[in-house]
């Protein structure tokens, strides 16, 4: 069970990092159009899209990725609690 928990926890952490890197790419002109940027878009946009529909941007600042990362952290805490109850 510990291996499964560690795997899920690691995957959620790396996904959070992928979202952060994808958002930082917006600071560099043309970075999102690179192969790496397009790869990150394919894996992060499906998750970020529902948050962007709910949370409007504040001027030029899009805070929906912050909420999305917080949701991933809550999911990680929930998975930890479930595995603690099972063990």
Protein backbone atom coordinates (compact mmCIF):
# COMPACT_ATOMS: atom_id res chain seq x y z
CA UNK A 1 0.00 0.00 0.00
CA UNK A 2 2.84 2.38 0.75
CA UNK A 3 4.19 2.01 -2.76
CA UNK A 4 0.83 2.97 -4.27
CA UNK A 5 0.50 5.97 -1.95
CA UNK A 6 4.03 7.12 -2.76
CA UNK A 7 3.39 6.73 -6.48
CA UNK A 8 0.13 8.73 -6.37
CA UNK A 9 1.69 11.39 -4.18
CA UNK A 10 4.68 11.73 -6.50
CA UNK A 11 2.46 11.94 -9.58
CA UNK A 12 0.35 14.70 -8.03
CA UNK A 13 3.48 16.62 -7.03
CA UNK A 14 4.98 16.37 -10.53
CA UNK A 15 1.66 17.42 -12.06
CA UNK A 16 1.69 20.50 -9.83
CA UNK A 17 5.22 21.26 -11.02
CA UNK A 18 4.10 20.83 -14.64
CA UNK A 19 1.32 23.39 -14.09
CA UNK A 20 3.78 25.84 -12.53
CA UNK A 21 6.25 25.47 -15.41
CA UNK A 22 3.44 25.82 -17.95
CA UNK A 23 2.26 29.05 -16.33
CA UNK A 24 5.82 30.41 -16.16
CA UNK A 25 6.20 29.75 -19.90
CA UNK A 26 3.64 32.50 -20.50
CA UNK A 27 6.27 35.02 -19.36
CA UNK A 28 8.53 34.18 -22.31
CA UNK A 29 7.42 35.06 -25.85
CA UNK A 30 6.94 31.97 -28.00
CA UNK A 31 7.77 29.50 -25.21
CA UNK A 32 4.31 27.95 -25.23
CA UNK A 33 4.58 27.34 -28.96
CA UNK A 34 7.74 25.24 -28.49
CA UNK A 35 7.51 21.46 -28.44
CA UNK A 36 7.91 21.41 -24.67
CA UNK A 37 5.27 24.11 -24.23
CA UNK A 38 2.83 22.22 -26.44
CA UNK A 39 3.44 19.02 -24.47
CA UNK A 40 2.74 20.82 -21.20
CA UNK A 41 -0.39 22.37 -22.73
CA UNK A 42 -1.70 18.93 -23.70
CA UNK A 43 -1.28 17.57 -20.18
CA UNK A 44 -2.30 20.64 -18.14
CA UNK A 45 -4.99 22.48 -20.12
CA UNK A 46 -7.69 19.78 -19.68
CA UNK A 47 -7.28 20.17 -15.90
CA UNK A 48 -6.99 23.97 -15.89
CA UNK A 49 -9.92 24.62 -18.25
CA UNK A 50 -12.75 23.99 -15.71
CA UNK A 51 -11.06 26.30 -13.20
CA UNK A 52 -10.75 29.03 -15.84
CA UNK A 53 -14.47 28.75 -16.58
CA UNK A 54 -15.34 29.26 -12.91
CA UNK A 55 -12.72 31.85 -11.90
CA UNK A 56 -12.48 34.93 -14.12
CA UNK A 57 -9.10 36.65 -14.53
CA UNK A 58 -8.41 39.65 -12.36
CA UNK A 59 -7.29 42.16 -14.96
CA UNK A 60 -4.27 40.58 -16.62
CA UNK A 61 -3.74 38.02 -13.85
CA UNK A 62 -5.19 34.52 -14.09
CA UNK A 63 -5.46 33.07 -10.57
CA UNK A 64 -7.18 29.86 -11.65
CA UNK A 65 -3.88 27.88 -11.75
CA UNK A 66 -3.30 28.74 -8.10
CA UNK A 67 -6.73 27.36 -7.22
CA UNK A 68 -6.04 24.30 -9.40
CA UNK A 69 -2.78 23.62 -7.57
CA UNK A 70 -4.53 24.05 -4.21
CA UNK A 71 -7.12 21.50 -5.36
CA UNK A 72 -4.31 19.08 -6.20
CA UNK A 73 -2.82 19.62 -2.74
CA UNK A 74 -6.19 18.94 -1.11
CA UNK A 75 -6.48 15.78 -3.21
CA UNK A 76 -3.05 14.70 -2.02
CA UNK A 77 -4.08 15.28 1.62
CA UNK A 78 -7.30 13.33 1.00
CA UNK A 79 -5.39 10.41 -0.50
CA UNK A 80 -3.03 10.47 2.49
CA UNK A 81 -6.00 10.36 4.88
CA UNK A 82 -7.58 7.46 2.97
CA UNK A 83 -4.38 5.44 3.01
CA UNK A 84 -3.95 6.19 6.71
CA UNK A 85 -7.49 4.88 7.38
CA UNK A 86 -6.84 1.73 5.33
CA UNK A 87 -3.49 0.97 6.95
